[in-house]
């Protein structure tokens, strides 16, 4: 189906093996009559819709489960059109295979002019909706119930279960602005809990909103969905995507692309397109300097895709905010120096801490800023770079002078080295969460530098640790009868024997087993030293495998 999932996009689809495996596991449970539901979230343009499209195609090929894809951003305009389109587009996918012209499925009147009238359930449901719409004051609650109940009823009628992909699901809440609707999420849950023929995959770009929808105990959807966060690509996945787009590059060029894009597929794609323009001699000729030039043109030139995206993200996030000027000032402060505590941000803004906290909370709500261990960071490092320059009026022409670029390149290198350090702090928090998710599991020992299988303790406490005298500080201390200390080295340099020696000394002082995680891996001497002294070691690939095991 070229319109829904164009061929060029499917040819670019890269990896996401872990996420596809999880969705296939959900499909397998649905085949057994045990529906599960997934909440998929991640940054904008990270590939959520593409992942759903890929899974839809795979389900269509197999044929035993009916996929239904609905863009909630388009559907959730008002209760009347929503109910009609939700029902009609479910028919479009279930009864027309998603390939017929879509317009006849957007109203109940036109729906009854299609082939779906052969299904009595559709006729009854469309009639009920039509009668309600004919009233002077339609019962919006009834319209939503008719819509949300329909997929399960259709699955029972057809004898085939449905997997419904509801893209940008948080938009559903906007229907609550209409009098008499109440909370749309409560209507959705009431239907979901009665269904046996449908699994739902809901997606959202507003990470904070999605987390609150499925994790907040006050939300109607609390504990109804398994969460799945779509993260940026690994170096290997980024390399694969680049090679699909422009061909093989030198290792140094690949490394530079990853450094400046952090593996975000949209940034990788935009940078690859720019490199194709800058290197007409072919991909083999691309060097690090050209990657830097391409990134600066993309991020700081008004014609760049990255520039346009950052401008859109910045504007759409702040357009409805109160205190617009202060929010901009706060973003500029964090663009120059991340990892500040509340008191430090307030001091730079010259505002009281309580007021500053509210501004930070608002920026977290729209996913521009995140908080880790009491410190504040940009959620998107590339946006941070863009704000740091454009807020000072620094942009580049489409054809800049060499001397203009040289100064920017030097500053670019320094900034992204600092970002790598700050990302290491964020990774420390992720490792602590990983240990919580792996509690009590048995994993492949090779992922921790051990032979055979390895049991992860169910730690009752996993927190950063600093000794009372301040002499010992580690990224995490896990306690549950036995103790582990964890140190994360998220940098491009491999960990050597000396660093492991220092780690084991700290471990002895707190009577704990050491685990060192190194993004770049370990020297051969360090690997041998770890084996001799019982130190657990993992590189970036090992960590990714452990994250897959925990999911």
Protein backbone atom coordinates (compact mmCIF):
# COMPACT_ATOMS: atom_id res chain seq x y z
CA UNK A 1 0.00 0.00 0.00
CA UNK A 2 2.15 2.87 -1.35
CA UNK A 3 0.08 5.73 0.14
CA UNK A 4 0.04 4.50 3.75
CA UNK A 5 3.64 3.29 3.77
CA UNK A 6 5.63 4.56 0.75
CA UNK A 7 8.23 2.20 -0.68
CA UNK A 8 11.11 4.61 -0.04
CA UNK A 9 10.26 4.71 3.67
CA UNK A 10 10.12 0.95 3.97
CA UNK A 11 13.48 0.69 2.22
CA UNK A 12 14.92 3.05 4.85
CA UNK A 13 13.41 1.20 7.81
CA UNK A 14 16.29 0.20 10.07
CA UNK A 15 16.50 -2.36 12.87
CA UNK A 16 14.01 -1.74 15.72
CA UNK A 17 14.24 -5.51 16.21
CA UNK A 18 13.54 -5.27 19.95
CA UNK A 19 10.41 -3.19 19.45
CA UNK A 20 9.10 -5.35 16.61
CA UNK A 21 9.70 -8.48 18.68
CA UNK A 22 7.67 -7.01 21.53
CA UNK A 23 4.81 -6.09 19.18
CA UNK A 24 4.91 -9.58 17.67
CA UNK A 25 4.71 -10.99 21.20
CA UNK A 26 1.59 -8.90 21.78
CA UNK A 27 0.15 -10.21 18.50
CA UNK A 28 0.90 -13.80 19.52
CA UNK A 29 -0.92 -13.32 22.83
CA UNK A 30 -3.85 -11.83 20.93
CA UNK A 31 -3.99 -14.94 18.75
CA UNK A 32 -4.33 -16.96 21.94
CA UNK A 33 -7.20 -14.79 23.13
CA UNK A 34 -5.11 -12.89 25.69
CA UNK A 35 -4.97 -9.27 24.47
CA UNK A 36 -2.28 -6.97 25.83
CA UNK A 37 -1.81 -3.28 25.17
CA UNK A 38 1.31 -1.18 24.53
CA UNK A 39 2.03 2.53 25.04
CA UNK A 40 4.79 3.57 22.63
CA UNK A 41 6.42 6.93 23.19
CA UNK A 42 9.54 8.83 22.22
CA UNK A 43 10.81 12.15 20.90
CA UNK A 44 9.17 13.71 17.86
CA UNK A 45 10.38 12.30 14.53
CA UNK A 46 12.10 9.40 16.30
CA UNK A 47 10.22 6.82 14.20
CA UNK A 48 7.08 5.87 16.15
CA UNK A 49 4.74 6.12 13.17
CA UNK A 50 7.23 4.30 10.97
CA UNK A 51 7.42 1.45 13.48
CA UNK A 52 3.63 1.18 13.51
CA UNK A 53 3.53 1.22 9.70
CA UNK A 54 6.09 -1.58 9.54
CA UNK A 55 4.11 -3.71 11.98
CA UNK A 56 0.86 -3.03 10.09
CA UNK A 57 2.43 -4.32 6.87
CA UNK A 58 3.75 -7.43 8.61
CA UNK A 59 0.30 -8.18 10.03
CA UNK A 60 -1.30 -7.70 6.62
CA UNK A 61 1.15 -10.16 5.08
CA UNK A 62 0.38 -12.80 7.69
CA UNK A 63 -3.35 -12.16 7.50
CA UNK A 64 -4.70 -13.69 10.71
CA UNK A 65 -4.86 -10.39 12.65
CA UNK A 66 -6.51 -7.29 11.19
CA UNK A 67 -4.37 -4.15 11.65
CA UNK A 68 -6.16 -0.81 12.07
CA UNK A 69 -4.19 2.45 11.94
CA UNK A 70 -5.86 5.66 13.14
CA UNK A 71 -4.25 9.11 13.36
CA UNK A 72 -5.91 10.55 16.46
CA UNK A 73 -4.58 14.02 15.69
CA UNK A 74 -6.79 14.08 12.59
CA UNK A 75 -9.78 12.35 14.19
CA UNK A 76 -10.14 14.28 17.44
CA UNK A 77 -11.72 17.50 16.18
CA UNK A 78 -15.19 17.11 17.75
CA UNK A 79 -17.24 14.19 19.11
CA UNK A 80 -19.57 13.94 16.08
CA UNK A 81 -16.90 13.52 13.36
CA UNK A 82 -14.70 11.51 15.73
CA UNK A 83 -17.29 8.77 16.28
CA UNK A 84 -18.04 8.52 12.56
CA UNK A 85 -14.41 8.39 11.50
CA UNK A 86 -13.34 6.01 14.25
CA UNK A 87 -16.00 3.52 13.15
CA UNK A 88 -15.62 4.20 9.43
CA UNK A 89 -11.83 3.93 9.34
CA UNK A 90 -11.95 0.73 11.38
CA UNK A 91 -14.15 -0.63 8.58
CA UNK A 92 -11.72 0.80 6.01
CA UNK A 93 -8.92 -1.34 7.44
CA UNK A 94 -10.89 -4.40 8.49
CA UNK A 95 -13.17 -4.76 5.47
CA UNK A 96 -11.34 -2.92 2.68
CA UNK A 97 -7.78 -3.86 3.64
CA UNK A 98 -6.76 -0.21 3.92
CA UNK A 99 -6.52 0.11 0.14
CA UNK A 100 -9.82 1.61 -1.06
CA UNK A 101 -10.40 5.39 -1.42
CA UNK A 102 -10.78 6.61 2.15
CA UNK A 103 -13.36 9.41 1.75
CA UNK A 104 -16.46 7.13 1.71
CA UNK A 105 -15.49 5.88 5.18
CA UNK A 106 -15.47 9.27 6.91
CA UNK A 107 -19.24 9.71 7.49
CA UNK A 108 -21.91 7.17 8.38
CA UNK A 109 -24.05 8.24 5.42
CA UNK A 110 -21.33 7.48 2.88
CA UNK A 111 -20.20 4.42 4.83
CA UNK A 112 -23.57 2.82 4.10
CA UNK A 113 -22.94 3.31 0.37
CA UNK A 114 -19.90 1.01 0.45
CA UNK A 115 -19.54 -2.76 0.43
CA UNK A 116 -19.50 -2.84 4.24
CA UNK A 117 -23.32 -2.80 4.27
CA UNK A 118 -23.04 -6.56 3.78
CA UNK A 119 -22.05 -6.76 7.47
CA UNK A 120 -25.17 -6.34 9.66
CA UNK A 121 -23.11 -5.05 12.62
CA UNK A 122 -21.90 -2.10 10.55
CA UNK A 123 -25.44 -1.23 9.47
CA UNK A 124 -26.72 -1.36 13.05
CA UNK A 125 -23.86 0.71 14.45
CA UNK A 126 -24.01 3.30 11.67
CA UNK A 127 -27.76 3.57 12.20
CA UNK A 128 -27.34 4.13 15.93
CA UNK A 129 -24.76 6.86 15.30
CA UNK A 130 -26.96 8.48 12.65
CA UNK A 131 -29.99 8.56 14.96
CA UNK A 132 -27.96 10.15 17.74
CA UNK A 133 -26.56 12.77 15.38
CA UNK A 134 -30.12 13.62 14.36
CA UNK A 135 -31.01 14.75 17.88
CA UNK A 136 -30.88 18.42 18.81
CA UNK A 137 -28.42 17.58 21.59
CA UNK A 138 -26.52 14.36 20.79
CA UNK A 139 -25.37 12.25 23.72
CA UNK A 140 -21.61 12.53 23.29
CA UNK A 141 -20.97 9.80 25.84
CA UNK A 142 -23.11 7.40 23.80
CA UNK A 143 -21.31 8.34 20.58
CA UNK A 144 -17.93 7.58 22.17
CA UNK A 145 -19.22 4.28 23.55
CA UNK A 146 -20.50 3.24 20.11
CA UNK A 147 -17.10 4.10 18.63
CA UNK A 148 -14.91 2.46 21.27
CA UNK A 149 -17.04 -0.71 21.44
CA UNK A 150 -17.03 -1.19 17.67
CA UNK A 151 -13.56 -2.75 17.03
CA UNK A 152 -14.16 -5.60 19.46
CA UNK A 153 -17.65 -6.23 18.11
CA UNK A 154 -16.28 -6.28 14.57
CA UNK A 155 -13.54 -8.72 15.55
CA UNK A 156 -16.14 -11.07 17.01
CA UNK A 157 -18.30 -10.76 13.90
CA UNK A 158 -15.43 -11.49 11.51
CA UNK A 159 -13.86 -14.18 13.68
CA UNK A 160 -10.48 -12.40 13.53
CA UNK A 161 -8.88 -10.21 16.22
CA UNK A 162 -7.81 -6.62 15.57
CA UNK A 163 -4.61 -4.79 16.51
CA UNK A 164 -5.43 -1.08 16.65
CA UNK A 165 -2.63 1.48 16.32
CA UNK A 166 -3.84 4.81 17.73
CA UNK A 167 -1.19 7.35 16.73
CA UNK A 168 -0.83 10.52 18.85
CA UNK A 169 -3.30 9.07 21.33
CA UNK A 170 -3.13 11.97 23.87
CA UNK A 171 -5.16 14.03 21.37
CA UNK A 172 -8.18 12.04 22.55
CA UNK A 173 -8.24 14.16 25.72
CA UNK A 174 -9.11 17.24 23.64
CA UNK A 175 -12.63 15.85 23.17
CA UNK A 176 -13.14 16.49 26.88
CA UNK A 177 -13.42 20.20 26.08
CA UNK A 178 -16.92 19.64 24.69
CA UNK A 179 -19.84 19.92 27.17
CA UNK A 180 -21.23 16.59 28.24
CA UNK A 181 -18.28 14.47 27.13
CA UNK A 182 -16.64 14.11 30.52
CA UNK A 183 -13.27 12.36 30.49
CA UNK A 184 -12.75 10.60 27.12
CA UNK A 185 -10.11 8.36 28.71
CA UNK A 186 -12.71 6.95 31.09
CA UNK A 187 -14.96 6.11 28.14
CA UNK A 188 -12.04 4.43 26.40
CA UNK A 189 -11.09 2.39 29.45
CA UNK A 190 -14.68 1.27 30.05
CA UNK A 191 -14.73 -0.24 26.56
CA UNK A 192 -11.18 -1.59 26.68
CA UNK A 193 -11.81 -3.58 29.86
CA UNK A 194 -14.68 -5.47 28.23
CA UNK A 195 -12.81 -6.41 25.06
CA UNK A 196 -11.25 -9.74 24.13
CA UNK A 197 -10.67 -9.30 20.39
CA UNK A 198 -8.50 -6.17 20.31
CA UNK A 199 -4.97 -5.20 21.31
CA UNK A 200 -4.16 -1.49 21.32
CA UNK A 201 -0.87 0.20 20.54
CA UNK A 202 -1.10 3.87 21.50
CA UNK A 203 1.65 6.32 20.60
CA UNK A 204 2.55 9.84 21.62
CA UNK A 205 5.32 12.37 21.10
CA UNK A 206 4.59 14.17 24.37
CA UNK A 207 6.64 11.89 26.59
CA UNK A 208 5.64 13.51 29.89
CA UNK A 209 1.96 13.34 28.93
CA UNK A 210 2.20 9.70 27.83
CA UNK A 211 3.98 8.71 31.02
CA UNK A 212 1.28 10.38 33.09
CA UNK A 213 -1.48 8.70 31.06
CA UNK A 214 -0.25 5.18 31.76
CA UNK A 215 1.78 5.50 34.98
CA UNK A 216 -0.10 8.01 37.14
CA UNK A 217 -2.38 6.18 39.57
CA UNK A 218 -5.03 8.87 39.06
CA UNK A 219 -5.20 8.25 35.30
CA UNK A 220 -8.05 6.05 33.99
CA UNK A 221 -5.43 4.10 32.03
CA UNK A 222 -3.18 3.33 35.00
CA UNK A 223 -1.72 -0.20 34.69
CA UNK A 224 -3.59 -0.86 31.43
CA UNK A 225 -0.57 -0.54 29.11
CA UNK A 226 2.93 -1.91 28.89
CA UNK A 227 5.28 1.02 28.15
CA UNK A 228 7.80 0.96 25.32
CA UNK A 229 10.09 3.94 24.80
CA UNK A 230 11.58 4.35 21.34
CA UNK A 231 15.15 5.56 21.74
CA UNK A 232 17.65 6.98 19.24
CA UNK A 233 19.65 4.56 17.10
CA UNK A 234 22.82 2.86 18.28
CA UNK A 235 26.02 3.61 16.36
CA UNK A 236 25.52 0.44 14.32
CA UNK A 237 21.94 1.32 13.42
CA UNK A 238 22.96 4.87 12.55
CA UNK A 239 25.67 3.53 10.26
CA UNK A 240 23.16 1.22 8.56
CA UNK A 241 20.73 4.08 7.93
CA UNK A 242 23.45 6.35 6.54
CA UNK A 243 24.62 3.63 4.16
CA UNK A 244 21.06 3.13 2.93
CA UNK A 245 20.81 6.86 2.25
CA UNK A 246 24.17 7.74 0.70
CA UNK A 247 26.45 4.70 0.75
CA UNK A 248 29.43 3.60 2.87
CA UNK A 249 31.51 6.26 4.63
CA UNK A 250 34.87 6.20 6.35
CA UNK A 251 34.68 5.14 10.03
CA UNK A 252 35.68 8.62 11.22
CA UNK A 253 32.85 10.21 9.21
CA UNK A 254 30.33 7.74 10.63
CA UNK A 255 31.56 8.49 14.15
CA UNK A 256 31.19 12.24 13.56
CA UNK A 257 27.62 11.83 12.28
CA UNK A 258 26.71 9.93 15.42
CA UNK A 259 28.41 12.53 17.61
CA UNK A 260 26.34 15.39 16.19
CA UNK A 261 23.01 13.58 15.77
CA UNK A 262 23.07 11.31 18.85
CA UNK A 263 21.51 8.65 16.65
CA UNK A 264 18.20 10.50 16.17
CA UNK A 265 16.90 9.13 12.82
CA UNK A 266 15.56 12.49 11.61
CA UNK A 267 18.86 14.25 12.24
CA UNK A 268 20.81 11.39 10.67
CA UNK A 269 18.61 11.55 7.57
CA UNK A 270 18.90 15.34 7.26
CA UNK A 271 22.67 15.26 7.71
CA UNK A 272 23.05 12.48 5.14
CA UNK A 273 21.04 14.48 2.60
CA UNK A 274 23.26 17.52 3.15
CA UNK A 275 26.43 15.42 2.82
CA UNK A 276 25.20 14.14 -0.52
CA UNK A 277 25.19 17.77 -1.71
CA UNK A 278 28.61 18.59 -0.23
CA UNK A 279 30.38 15.49 -1.55
CA UNK A 280 29.48 15.06 -5.23
CA UNK A 281 32.58 12.86 -5.66
CA UNK A 282 30.86 10.12 -3.66
CA UNK A 283 30.46 9.00 -0.04
CA UNK A 284 34.00 7.60 0.19
CA UNK A 285 35.31 11.17 -0.03
CA UNK A 286 33.35 12.43 3.00
CA UNK A 287 35.60 13.41 5.91
CA UNK A 288 35.00 14.71 9.43
CA UNK A 289 35.36 18.34 8.36
CA UNK A 290 32.56 17.92 5.81
CA UNK A 291 30.34 16.31 8.44
CA UNK A 292 30.92 19.30 10.71
CA UNK A 293 30.19 21.72 7.88
CA UNK A 294 27.05 19.80 6.93
CA UNK A 295 25.79 19.85 10.52
CA UNK A 296 26.36 23.59 10.87
CA UNK A 297 24.54 24.27 7.60
CA UNK A 298 21.66 22.03 8.66
CA UNK A 299 21.35 23.41 12.18
CA UNK A 300 22.17 27.11 11.71
CA UNK A 301 21.10 27.91 8.15
CA UNK A 302 17.49 28.94 7.61
CA UNK A 303 17.34 26.48 4.70
CA UNK A 304 18.35 23.49 6.83
CA UNK A 305 15.88 20.74 7.72
CA UNK A 306 17.27 20.54 11.26
CA UNK A 307 16.95 24.33 11.63
CA UNK A 308 13.32 24.22 10.47
CA UNK A 309 12.50 21.33 12.78
CA UNK A 310 14.10 23.01 15.82
CA UNK A 311 12.27 26.25 15.04
CA UNK A 312 8.98 24.34 14.79
CA UNK A 313 9.62 22.43 18.02
CA UNK A 314 10.62 25.59 19.88
CA UNK A 315 7.67 27.64 18.66
CA UNK A 316 4.97 25.00 19.08
CA UNK A 317 6.17 24.24 22.61
CA UNK A 318 6.14 27.86 23.76
CA UNK A 319 3.26 29.35 21.76
CA UNK A 320 0.63 28.79 24.48
CA UNK A 321 2.87 29.49 27.45
CA UNK A 322 2.51 32.22 30.01
CA UNK A 323 5.70 34.02 30.84
CA UNK A 324 7.06 33.50 27.32
CA UNK A 325 10.05 35.77 27.88
CA UNK A 326 11.15 34.03 31.08
CA UNK A 327 10.79 30.61 29.50
CA UNK A 328 13.04 31.71 26.65
CA UNK A 329 15.56 33.06 29.15
CA UNK A 330 15.47 29.78 31.09
CA UNK A 331 16.08 27.78 27.92
CA UNK A 332 19.01 30.04 27.08
CA UNK A 333 20.49 29.45 30.54
CA UNK A 334 20.31 25.67 30.12
CA UNK A 335 21.59 25.94 26.55
CA UNK A 336 24.79 27.47 27.89
CA UNK A 337 25.14 25.16 30.89
CA UNK A 338 23.11 22.05 31.58
CA UNK A 339 22.93 19.99 34.74
CA UNK A 340 22.05 22.96 36.94
CA UNK A 341 20.06 22.54 40.12
CA UNK A 342 16.92 24.55 40.82
CA UNK A 343 18.77 27.01 43.05
CA UNK A 344 21.40 27.59 40.34
CA UNK A 345 18.80 28.18 37.63
CA UNK A 346 16.88 30.58 39.90
CA UNK A 347 20.07 32.49 40.67
CA UNK A 348 20.88 32.95 36.99
CA UNK A 349 17.33 34.08 36.22
CA UNK A 350 17.22 36.28 39.34
CA UNK A 351 13.85 34.81 40.23
CA UNK A 352 12.57 33.08 43.40
CA UNK A 353 13.04 29.32 43.45
CA UNK A 354 9.27 28.52 43.67
CA UNK A 355 8.53 30.58 40.53
CA UNK A 356 11.50 29.06 38.73
CA UNK A 357 10.30 25.58 39.67
CA UNK A 358 6.95 26.29 37.97
CA UNK A 359 8.69 27.41 34.78
CA UNK A 360 10.86 24.30 34.79
CA UNK A 361 7.82 22.13 35.40
CA UNK A 362 6.10 23.67 32.40
CA UNK A 363 9.13 23.05 30.17
CA UNK A 364 9.20 19.45 31.37
CA UNK A 365 5.49 19.14 30.56
CA UNK A 366 6.16 20.04 26.90
CA UNK A 367 9.25 17.79 26.79
CA UNK A 368 11.86 20.47 26.20
CA UNK A 369 13.54 19.82 29.54
CA UNK A 370 14.01 16.74 31.70
CA UNK A 371 15.12 16.35 35.32
CA UNK A 372 17.62 13.77 36.51
CA UNK A 373 18.64 13.54 40.17
CA UNK A 374 17.66 17.13 40.85
CA UNK A 375 19.49 18.54 37.81
CA UNK A 376 17.91 19.88 34.63
CA UNK A 377 18.83 19.02 31.05
CA UNK A 378 17.53 19.47 27.53
CA UNK A 379 15.71 16.36 26.40
CA UNK A 380 17.09 16.92 22.88
CA UNK A 381 20.81 17.90 22.73
CA UNK A 382 20.55 19.13 19.13
CA UNK A 383 17.76 21.53 20.08
CA UNK A 384 19.99 22.76 22.88
CA UNK A 385 22.75 23.54 20.37
CA UNK A 386 20.26 25.36 18.13
CA UNK A 387 18.92 27.49 21.01
CA UNK A 388 22.42 28.35 22.21
CA UNK A 389 23.30 29.90 18.85
CA UNK A 390 20.05 31.28 17.44
CA UNK A 391 19.14 32.98 20.73
CA UNK A 392 22.31 35.04 20.24
CA UNK A 393 21.46 35.79 16.61
CA UNK A 394 24.13 33.44 15.24
CA UNK A 395 23.11 31.85 11.95
CA UNK A 396 25.02 30.96 8.79
CA UNK A 397 24.37 31.61 5.13
CA UNK A 398 23.72 28.80 2.70
CA UNK A 399 27.24 29.46 1.33
CA UNK A 400 29.30 30.65 4.33
CA UNK A 401 32.89 31.85 4.20
CA UNK A 402 35.57 29.40 5.35
CA UNK A 403 36.76 31.69 8.16
CA UNK A 404 33.19 31.94 9.51
CA UNK A 405 32.89 28.17 9.65
CA UNK A 406 36.28 27.60 11.29
CA UNK A 407 35.31 29.44 14.47
CA UNK A 408 31.96 27.67 14.63
CA UNK A 409 33.55 24.25 14.11
CA UNK A 410 35.92 24.78 17.05
CA UNK A 411 33.04 25.76 19.31
CA UNK A 412 30.92 22.90 17.94
CA UNK A 413 33.52 20.33 18.96
CA UNK A 414 33.81 21.73 22.48
CA UNK A 415 30.05 21.91 22.99
CA UNK A 416 29.39 18.36 21.91
CA UNK A 417 32.19 17.02 24.09
CA UNK A 418 30.44 18.68 27.05
CA UNK A 419 27.11 17.22 25.96
CA UNK A 420 28.65 13.75 25.89
CA UNK A 421 29.64 14.20 29.53
CA UNK A 422 26.14 15.33 30.45
CA UNK A 423 24.60 12.42 28.55
CA UNK A 424 26.76 10.19 30.69
CA UNK A 425 24.97 11.55 33.75
CA UNK A 426 21.61 10.75 32.16
CA UNK A 427 22.88 7.27 31.30
CA UNK A 428 23.74 6.72 34.97
CA UNK A 429 20.08 7.24 35.84
CA UNK A 430 19.02 4.83 33.07
CA UNK A 431 21.38 2.16 34.42
CA UNK A 432 19.83 2.46 37.87
CA UNK A 433 16.39 2.00 36.32
CA UNK A 434 17.70 -0.96 34.30
CA UNK A 435 18.81 -2.71 37.49
CA UNK A 436 15.35 -2.23 38.94
CA UNK A 437 13.78 -3.76 35.82
CA UNK A 438 16.21 -6.72 35.81
CA UNK A 439 15.59 -7.55 39.47
CA UNK A 440 15.69 -11.30 40.03
CA UNK A 441 16.25 -12.16 36.35
CA UNK A 442 18.85 -14.53 34.92
CA UNK A 443 20.78 -13.15 31.94
CA UNK A 444 23.62 -14.16 29.66
CA UNK A 445 26.76 -13.83 31.78
CA UNK A 446 28.78 -12.63 28.78
CA UNK A 447 26.88 -9.32 29.00
CA UNK A 448 28.67 -8.71 32.32
CA UNK A 449 31.98 -10.32 31.39
CA UNK A 450 31.07 -13.63 33.05
CA UNK A 451 30.80 -17.21 31.81
CA UNK A 452 27.46 -19.04 31.62
CA UNK A 453 24.29 -17.46 32.95
CA UNK A 454 24.18 -14.78 35.64
CA UNK A 455 21.54 -13.96 38.26
CA UNK A 456 20.76 -10.28 38.89
CA UNK A 457 19.88 -9.63 42.54
CA UNK A 458 16.50 -8.08 43.35
CA UNK A 459 17.97 -4.99 44.99
CA UNK A 460 15.73 -3.28 47.50
CA UNK A 461 17.62 -0.02 47.08
CA UNK A 462 19.52 1.39 44.08
CA UNK A 463 20.71 4.97 44.51
CA UNK A 464 23.78 7.16 43.89
CA UNK A 465 26.19 6.85 46.81
CA UNK A 466 28.50 9.27 48.57
CA UNK A 467 30.28 8.23 51.76
CA UNK A 468 29.78 10.38 54.89
CA UNK A 469 33.34 11.70 54.64
CA UNK A 470 32.92 12.45 50.93
CA UNK A 471 35.90 10.32 49.91
CA UNK A 472 33.90 7.66 48.04
CA UNK A 473 31.35 8.58 45.40
CA UNK A 474 29.81 6.14 42.89
CA UNK A 475 27.06 6.33 40.31
CA UNK A 476 24.95 3.67 42.01
CA UNK A 477 24.96 1.43 45.06
CA UNK A 478 22.62 -1.57 44.98
CA UNK A 479 21.74 -3.33 48.23
CA UNK A 480 19.89 -6.58 48.96
CA UNK A 481 21.94 -8.72 51.31
CA UNK A 482 24.79 -8.43 48.82
CA UNK A 483 25.95 -5.06 47.53
CA UNK A 484 27.01 -3.80 44.11
CA UNK A 485 28.62 -0.52 43.18
CA UNK A 486 28.19 0.66 39.61
CA UNK A 487 30.32 3.11 37.70
CA UNK A 488 29.32 4.40 34.24
CA UNK A 489 32.02 5.69 31.86
CA UNK A 490 30.04 7.17 28.94
CA UNK A 491 32.80 8.51 26.72
CA UNK A 492 34.77 7.64 23.59
CA UNK A 493 37.89 6.40 25.43
CA UNK A 494 38.16 2.77 26.54
CA UNK A 495 38.49 2.04 30.25
CA UNK A 496 41.95 0.90 31.28
CA UNK A 497 43.32 -1.31 34.03
CA UNK A 498 44.13 1.63 36.29
CA UNK A 499 40.51 2.82 36.42
CA UNK A 500 39.32 -0.68 37.29
CA UNK A 501 41.94 -0.80 40.04
CA UNK A 502 40.53 2.39 41.53
CA UNK A 503 37.00 1.01 41.26
CA UNK A 504 37.87 -2.20 43.08
CA UNK A 505 39.49 -0.22 45.90
CA UNK A 506 36.26 1.74 46.36
CA UNK A 507 34.32 -1.52 46.23
CA UNK A 508 36.42 -2.99 49.03
CA UNK A 509 35.81 0.03 51.24
CA UNK A 510 32.02 -0.31 50.95
CA UNK A 511 32.14 -4.12 50.81
CA UNK A 512 30.45 -4.35 47.42
CA UNK A 513 30.94 -6.09 44.08
CA UNK A 514 32.01 -3.67 41.33
CA UNK A 515 30.33 -3.33 37.92
CA UNK A 516 31.87 -1.00 35.36
CA UNK A 517 29.95 0.08 32.25
CA UNK A 518 32.01 1.66 29.48
CA UNK A 519 30.54 3.07 26.28
CA UNK A 520 33.78 2.50 24.34
CA UNK A 521 34.67 -0.83 25.97
CA UNK A 522 37.83 -1.91 27.76
CA UNK A 523 41.49 -2.36 26.92
CA UNK A 524 42.76 -5.94 26.74
CA UNK A 525 44.67 -5.39 30.00
CA UNK A 526 41.52 -4.13 31.71
CA UNK A 527 39.51 -7.12 30.47
CA UNK A 528 42.08 -9.55 31.88
CA UNK A 529 42.26 -7.60 35.15
CA UNK A 530 38.46 -7.71 35.50
CA UNK A 531 38.45 -11.48 34.99
CA UNK A 532 41.15 -11.97 37.63
CA UNK A 533 39.44 -9.76 40.23
CA UNK A 534 35.76 -10.63 39.71
CA UNK A 535 34.80 -7.23 38.31
CA UNK A 536 31.62 -7.16 36.22
CA UNK A 537 32.15 -5.28 32.94
CA UNK A 538 29.80 -4.26 30.13
CA UNK A 539 30.22 -2.14 27.01
CA UNK A 540 27.53 -0.20 25.10
CA UNK A 541 26.41 -3.27 23.13
CA UNK A 542 26.18 -5.35 26.31
CA UNK A 543 24.11 -2.63 27.94
CA UNK A 544 21.74 -2.50 24.96
CA UNK A 545 21.30 -6.29 25.18
CA UNK A 546 20.54 -6.04 28.89
CA UNK A 547 17.93 -3.36 28.15
CA UNK A 548 16.32 -5.70 25.63
CA UNK A 549 16.31 -8.49 28.21
CA UNK A 550 14.57 -6.20 30.69
CA UNK A 551 11.83 -5.17 28.26
